[in-house]
Amino acid sequence: MRDRSYDQVPFRLSEIEHRYGKNVHIVGNPFLLGQLATLCAKGTLQPTINRLVRLLYEDLVRTVLNAEFPRRRVSVPTRMIDSSPAAICEGEVLDRDVRAVTVNIARAGAIPSQTVYDLLNVALDPRGVRQDHIIMSRMLGENEEVVGAGIGGMKIGGDVENAFLLFPDPMGATGSSLSEAIDTYKKKVPGNPRRIINIHLIVTPEYLRRMTADHPDVVVYAVRLDRGLSPADVMATVPGTRWADERGLTDHQYIVPGGGGFGEIMNNAYV
């Protein structure tokens, strides 16, 4: 007799209420928020910074796997099978026969994508898992404001047909770099991905506005939404209610509250 309790395993995503649309998920997780607050604190230095980035992405990608990836049923005899014919573990698990590609946006650092890549190789059949690399940098205007993003080089290891295409990028600030990277895959890389998912630690209202306009098909996951430069009456509303009045970026496109430039703190490269 099979125990049917695990035939369909529910996963309920905890997320904060917002008005940004169904493809945006601001994860409600007190543990992750606490670790992210420590990561962003002024006194937090290496090696704690990179350790926390790994910890946050390990938990966040598990959330994405549980919420977005397909399942299958398994029947696995346990070590007790020689003692009892009932010693069979049955139920719904992640389908390992799924393609997944994680893209390292080489700007902030490789740790987020490498962490996702390593976990995908555990959760899925490694033969269907790949990591690509795109070298990008912000393009600045006369007043050092971000006016776009430039691609300096790419290492893309094949097509993305029916693959989950993941972009682990810590800070969703303006969205210019990531929008350009996604455009590159849509226009220049063969195949139609099964789903495109951006995975962030922090996002701003400005980023969400850009991403949902440029790529409405993209799903966004983030630990925290930062809109700290919004007027007080806007801050009292459910996020997205007065989206046009929300602001999370300084004039130089740094996030507030934010955590400083992650490309700087993750690499000790303050230039």
Protein backbone atom coordinates (compact mmCIF):
# COMPACT_ATOMS: atom_id res chain seq x y z
CA MET A 1 0.00 0.00 0.00
CA ARG A 2 1.36 3.40 -1.00
CA ASP A 3 1.11 6.32 1.42
CA ARG A 4 -0.60 8.94 -0.73
CA SER A 5 0.34 11.82 1.59
CA TYR A 6 3.29 12.68 -0.65
CA ASP A 7 1.67 12.14 -4.05
CA GLN A 8 1.35 15.92 -4.42
CA VAL A 9 3.66 17.94 -2.21
CA PRO A 10 2.45 21.51 -1.65
CA PHE A 11 4.87 24.42 -1.61
CA ARG A 12 3.52 27.74 -0.45
CA LEU A 13 5.71 30.68 -1.31
CA SER A 14 5.91 33.28 1.46
CA GLU A 15 6.04 36.74 -0.10
CA ILE A 16 5.12 40.29 0.82
CA GLU A 17 2.05 41.93 -0.68
CA HIS A 18 2.67 44.22 -3.64
CA ARG A 19 1.14 45.60 -6.84
CA TYR A 20 3.98 44.91 -9.28
CA GLY A 21 2.27 42.03 -11.08
CA LYS A 22 2.11 38.27 -10.86
CA ASN A 23 5.66 37.67 -12.12
CA VAL A 24 7.31 39.56 -9.26
CA HIS A 25 8.00 37.77 -5.98
CA ILE A 26 9.43 39.63 -2.99
CA VAL A 27 10.18 36.72 -0.68
CA GLY A 28 8.93 37.03 2.88
CA ASN A 29 11.65 35.28 4.88
CA PRO A 30 12.77 36.71 8.25
CA PHE A 31 15.92 34.60 8.31
CA LEU A 32 17.07 35.80 4.87
CA LEU A 33 16.17 39.39 5.68
CA GLY A 34 18.30 39.22 8.81
CA GLN A 35 21.29 37.81 6.93
CA LEU A 36 20.85 40.39 4.18
CA ALA A 37 20.75 43.19 6.75
CA THR A 38 24.05 41.94 8.16
CA LEU A 39 25.52 41.73 4.67
CA CYS A 40 24.53 45.34 3.96
CA ALA A 41 25.76 46.74 7.30
CA LYS A 42 28.63 49.22 7.10
CA GLY A 43 30.88 47.20 9.42
CA THR A 44 30.57 43.88 7.56
CA LEU A 45 33.78 43.03 5.71
CA GLN A 46 35.39 40.12 3.91
CA PRO A 47 35.32 37.16 4.26
CA THR A 48 31.89 37.52 5.90
CA ILE A 49 30.51 39.33 2.85
CA ASN A 50 31.04 36.49 0.38
CA ARG A 51 30.01 33.87 2.92
CA LEU A 52 26.68 35.65 3.37
CA VAL A 53 26.18 36.02 -0.38
CA ARG A 54 26.59 32.26 -0.75
CA LEU A 55 24.23 31.54 2.14
CA LEU A 56 21.55 33.86 0.76
CA TYR A 57 21.73 32.45 -2.74
CA GLU A 58 21.69 28.86 -1.55
CA ASP A 59 18.41 29.48 0.25
CA LEU A 60 16.95 31.65 -2.50
CA VAL A 61 17.62 29.17 -5.30
CA ARG A 62 15.98 26.41 -3.24
CA THR A 63 12.90 28.61 -3.08
CA VAL A 64 12.97 29.06 -6.86
CA LEU A 65 13.40 25.33 -7.43
CA ASN A 66 10.45 24.47 -5.19
CA ALA A 67 8.18 27.16 -6.63
CA GLU A 68 9.02 27.04 -10.35
CA PHE A 69 10.51 23.71 -11.38
CA PRO A 70 8.46 20.63 -12.39
CA ARG A 71 7.99 17.54 -10.22
CA ARG A 72 7.89 13.81 -10.74
CA ARG A 73 6.99 10.84 -8.58
CA VAL A 74 9.63 8.39 -7.39
CA SER A 75 9.63 5.00 -5.73
CA VAL A 76 12.90 4.25 -3.91
CA PRO A 77 13.58 1.12 -1.83
CA THR A 78 15.28 2.09 1.42
CA ARG A 79 17.94 0.20 3.35
CA MET A 80 15.13 -1.60 5.18
CA ILE A 81 13.89 -3.34 2.01
CA ASP A 82 15.58 -6.60 2.98
CA SER A 83 13.57 -6.61 6.21
CA SER A 84 10.20 -5.50 4.87
CA PRO A 85 8.61 -5.22 1.40
CA ALA A 86 6.93 -2.03 2.67
CA ALA A 87 10.28 -0.23 2.92
CA ILE A 88 9.72 1.86 -0.20
CA CYS A 89 9.91 5.66 -0.13
CA GLU A 90 7.36 7.06 -2.59
CA GLY A 91 6.28 10.57 -3.41
CA GLU A 92 6.71 13.73 -5.44
CA VAL A 93 10.18 15.26 -5.88
CA LEU A 94 11.84 17.65 -8.29
CA ASP A 95 12.15 16.28 -11.81
CA ARG A 96 15.87 15.81 -12.39
CA ASP A 97 15.49 15.56 -16.18
CA VAL A 98 15.20 19.31 -16.68
CA ARG A 99 17.58 21.63 -18.50
CA ALA A 100 18.83 24.70 -16.64
CA VAL A 101 21.28 27.45 -17.55
CA THR A 102 22.59 29.97 -15.05
CA VAL A 103 24.22 33.13 -16.35
CA ASN A 104 27.10 34.79 -14.56
CA ILE A 105 26.86 38.53 -15.17
CA ALA A 106 30.56 39.26 -14.59
CA ARG A 107 30.16 42.66 -13.03
CA ALA A 108 29.43 42.17 -9.35
CA GLY A 109 31.22 38.82 -9.16
CA ALA A 110 30.79 35.16 -10.02
CA ILE A 111 29.70 33.91 -6.60
CA PRO A 112 25.90 34.19 -7.08
CA SER A 113 25.85 32.25 -10.35
CA GLN A 114 28.47 29.75 -9.17
CA THR A 115 26.39 29.06 -6.05
CA VAL A 116 23.27 28.53 -8.18
CA TYR A 117 25.21 26.34 -10.61
CA ASP A 118 26.53 24.09 -7.83
CA LEU A 119 23.06 23.61 -6.34
CA LEU A 120 21.49 22.92 -9.74
CA ASN A 121 24.03 20.12 -10.19
CA VAL A 122 22.74 18.58 -6.96
CA ALA A 123 19.04 19.02 -7.65
CA LEU A 124 19.09 18.10 -11.35
CA ASP A 125 20.94 15.77 -13.68
CA PRO A 126 24.26 17.61 -14.18
CA ARG A 127 24.27 16.67 -17.86
CA GLY A 128 21.44 19.16 -18.34
CA VAL A 129 23.01 21.99 -16.31
CA ARG A 130 25.24 24.74 -17.69
CA GLN A 131 26.82 28.00 -16.60
CA ASP A 132 27.31 30.83 -19.11
CA HIS A 133 29.30 34.04 -18.64
CA ILE A 134 28.68 37.59 -19.86
CA ILE A 135 31.11 40.39 -19.10
CA MET A 136 29.17 43.61 -18.63
CA SER A 137 29.75 47.09 -17.29
CA ARG A 138 27.65 50.17 -16.72
CA MET A 139 27.95 53.02 -19.19
CA LEU A 140 27.98 56.40 -17.44
CA GLY A 141 26.89 59.83 -18.62
CA GLU A 142 28.52 63.21 -18.05
CA ASN A 143 27.28 63.38 -14.47
CA GLU A 144 28.26 59.77 -13.71
CA GLU A 145 24.67 58.62 -14.03
CA VAL A 146 23.93 55.22 -15.60
CA VAL A 147 22.88 55.63 -19.22
CA GLY A 148 23.11 52.02 -20.34
CA ALA A 149 25.13 48.81 -20.24
CA GLY A 150 27.87 47.44 -22.44
CA ILE A 151 28.87 43.83 -23.14
CA GLY A 152 32.62 43.27 -23.20
CA GLY A 153 32.61 39.55 -23.92
CA MET A 154 30.61 36.34 -23.64
CA LYS A 155 31.07 32.62 -23.11
CA ILE A 156 27.77 30.95 -23.97
CA GLY A 157 27.98 27.18 -24.13
CA GLY A 158 25.04 26.29 -26.36
CA ASP A 159 21.35 26.75 -26.95
CA VAL A 160 18.64 27.35 -24.33
CA GLU A 161 15.84 25.33 -25.89
CA ASN A 162 13.28 24.36 -23.22
CA ALA A 163 15.73 25.30 -20.45
CA PHE A 164 15.15 27.29 -17.29
CA LEU A 165 17.29 30.37 -17.89
CA LEU A 166 18.43 31.88 -14.58
CA PHE A 167 20.08 35.26 -13.97
CA PRO A 168 21.44 35.45 -10.39
CA ASP A 169 22.39 39.13 -10.02
CA PRO A 170 22.57 40.55 -6.47
CA MET A 171 21.32 44.09 -7.09
CA GLY A 172 18.43 44.95 -9.39
CA ALA A 173 19.07 48.70 -9.52
CA THR A 174 18.27 50.24 -12.91
CA GLY A 175 17.77 47.01 -14.85
CA SER A 176 19.81 48.23 -17.81
CA SER A 177 22.52 45.55 -17.67
CA LEU A 178 20.17 42.66 -17.08
CA SER A 179 17.70 43.82 -19.73
CA GLU A 180 20.56 43.93 -22.24
CA ALA A 181 21.72 40.44 -21.21
CA ILE A 182 18.23 38.99 -21.59
CA ASP A 183 17.90 40.69 -24.99
CA THR A 184 21.12 38.98 -26.02
CA TYR A 185 19.71 35.55 -25.22
CA LYS A 186 16.39 36.25 -26.92
CA LYS A 187 17.97 37.58 -30.10
CA LYS A 188 21.31 35.80 -30.46
CA VAL A 189 21.21 32.48 -28.60
CA PRO A 190 19.36 29.60 -30.32
CA GLY A 191 16.28 28.10 -28.67
CA ASN A 192 13.30 29.24 -26.66
CA PRO A 193 13.80 28.93 -22.90
CA ARG A 194 11.12 27.27 -20.85
CA ARG A 195 11.20 30.16 -18.37
CA ILE A 196 13.46 33.12 -17.62
CA ILE A 197 13.97 33.82 -13.92
CA ASN A 198 15.95 36.69 -12.38
CA ILE A 199 17.20 36.01 -8.85
CA HIS A 200 18.19 39.02 -6.74
CA LEU A 201 19.02 39.98 -3.19
CA ILE A 202 17.66 43.53 -3.56
CA VAL A 203 15.48 45.21 -6.18
CA THR A 204 14.19 48.76 -6.61
CA PRO A 205 10.87 50.03 -8.01
CA GLU A 206 12.87 51.52 -10.88
CA TYR A 207 14.33 48.12 -11.73
CA LEU A 208 10.95 46.42 -11.60
CA ARG A 209 9.46 49.10 -13.86
CA ARG A 210 12.22 48.59 -16.43
CA MET A 211 12.18 44.80 -16.28
CA THR A 212 8.41 44.36 -16.48
CA ALA A 213 8.28 46.81 -19.40
CA ASP A 214 11.21 45.35 -21.38
CA HIS A 215 10.57 41.68 -20.57
CA PRO A 216 7.05 41.05 -19.23
CA ASP A 217 7.62 37.30 -19.55
CA VAL A 218 10.47 37.29 -17.03
CA VAL A 219 9.86 36.08 -13.46
CA VAL A 220 11.63 38.02 -10.69
CA TYR A 221 12.56 36.75 -7.22
CA ALA A 222 14.15 38.99 -4.59
CA VAL A 223 14.82 38.90 -0.86
CA ARG A 224 14.13 42.61 -0.36
CA LEU A 225 12.54 45.60 -2.09
CA ASP A 226 14.30 48.92 -1.40
CA ARG A 227 12.36 52.14 -2.01
CA GLY A 228 13.97 54.23 0.72
CA LEU A 229 13.96 57.53 -1.17
CA SER A 230 10.19 57.52 -1.65
CA PRO A 231 8.03 60.18 0.05
CA ALA A 232 6.72 59.22 3.50
CA ASP A 233 3.12 58.89 2.33
CA VAL A 234 4.24 56.55 -0.47
CA MET A 235 6.22 54.42 1.98
CA ALA A 236 2.99 53.89 3.93
CA THR A 237 1.31 52.23 0.93
CA VAL A 238 1.47 48.65 -0.31
CA PRO A 239 4.47 48.48 -2.67
CA GLY A 240 3.46 49.20 -6.23
CA THR A 241 0.27 51.07 -5.31
CA ARG A 242 1.91 54.37 -6.27
CA TRP A 243 4.65 52.87 -8.36
CA ALA A 244 5.37 56.07 -10.29
CA ASP A 245 6.12 57.90 -7.03
CA GLU A 246 8.38 55.20 -5.58
CA ARG A 247 12.11 55.72 -5.63
CA GLY A 248 14.99 53.55 -4.48
CA LEU A 249 17.93 55.02 -6.42
CA THR A 250 20.17 58.01 -5.82
CA ASP A 251 21.11 60.28 -8.71
CA HIS A 252 24.17 58.05 -9.23
CA GLN A 253 21.97 54.91 -9.27
CA TYR A 254 22.97 53.50 -5.89
CA ILE A 255 20.24 51.72 -3.95
CA VAL A 256 18.84 53.11 -0.69
CA PRO A 257 18.82 51.53 1.89
CA GLY A 258 20.92 49.18 -0.25
CA GLY A 259 24.32 47.93 0.78
CA GLY A 260 26.77 49.89 -1.32
CA GLY A 261 28.16 48.66 -4.61
CA PHE A 262 28.22 44.87 -4.44
CA GLY A 263 30.83 44.72 -7.18
CA GLU A 264 33.04 46.72 -4.86
CA ILE A 265 32.43 44.95 -1.56
CA MET A 266 32.48 41.42 -3.01
CA ASN A 267 35.81 41.97 -4.73
CA ASN A 268 37.50 44.58 -2.52
CA ALA A 269 37.80 46.66 -5.70
CA TYR A 270 36.91 50.23 -4.86
CA VAL A 271 37.43 51.93 -8.21
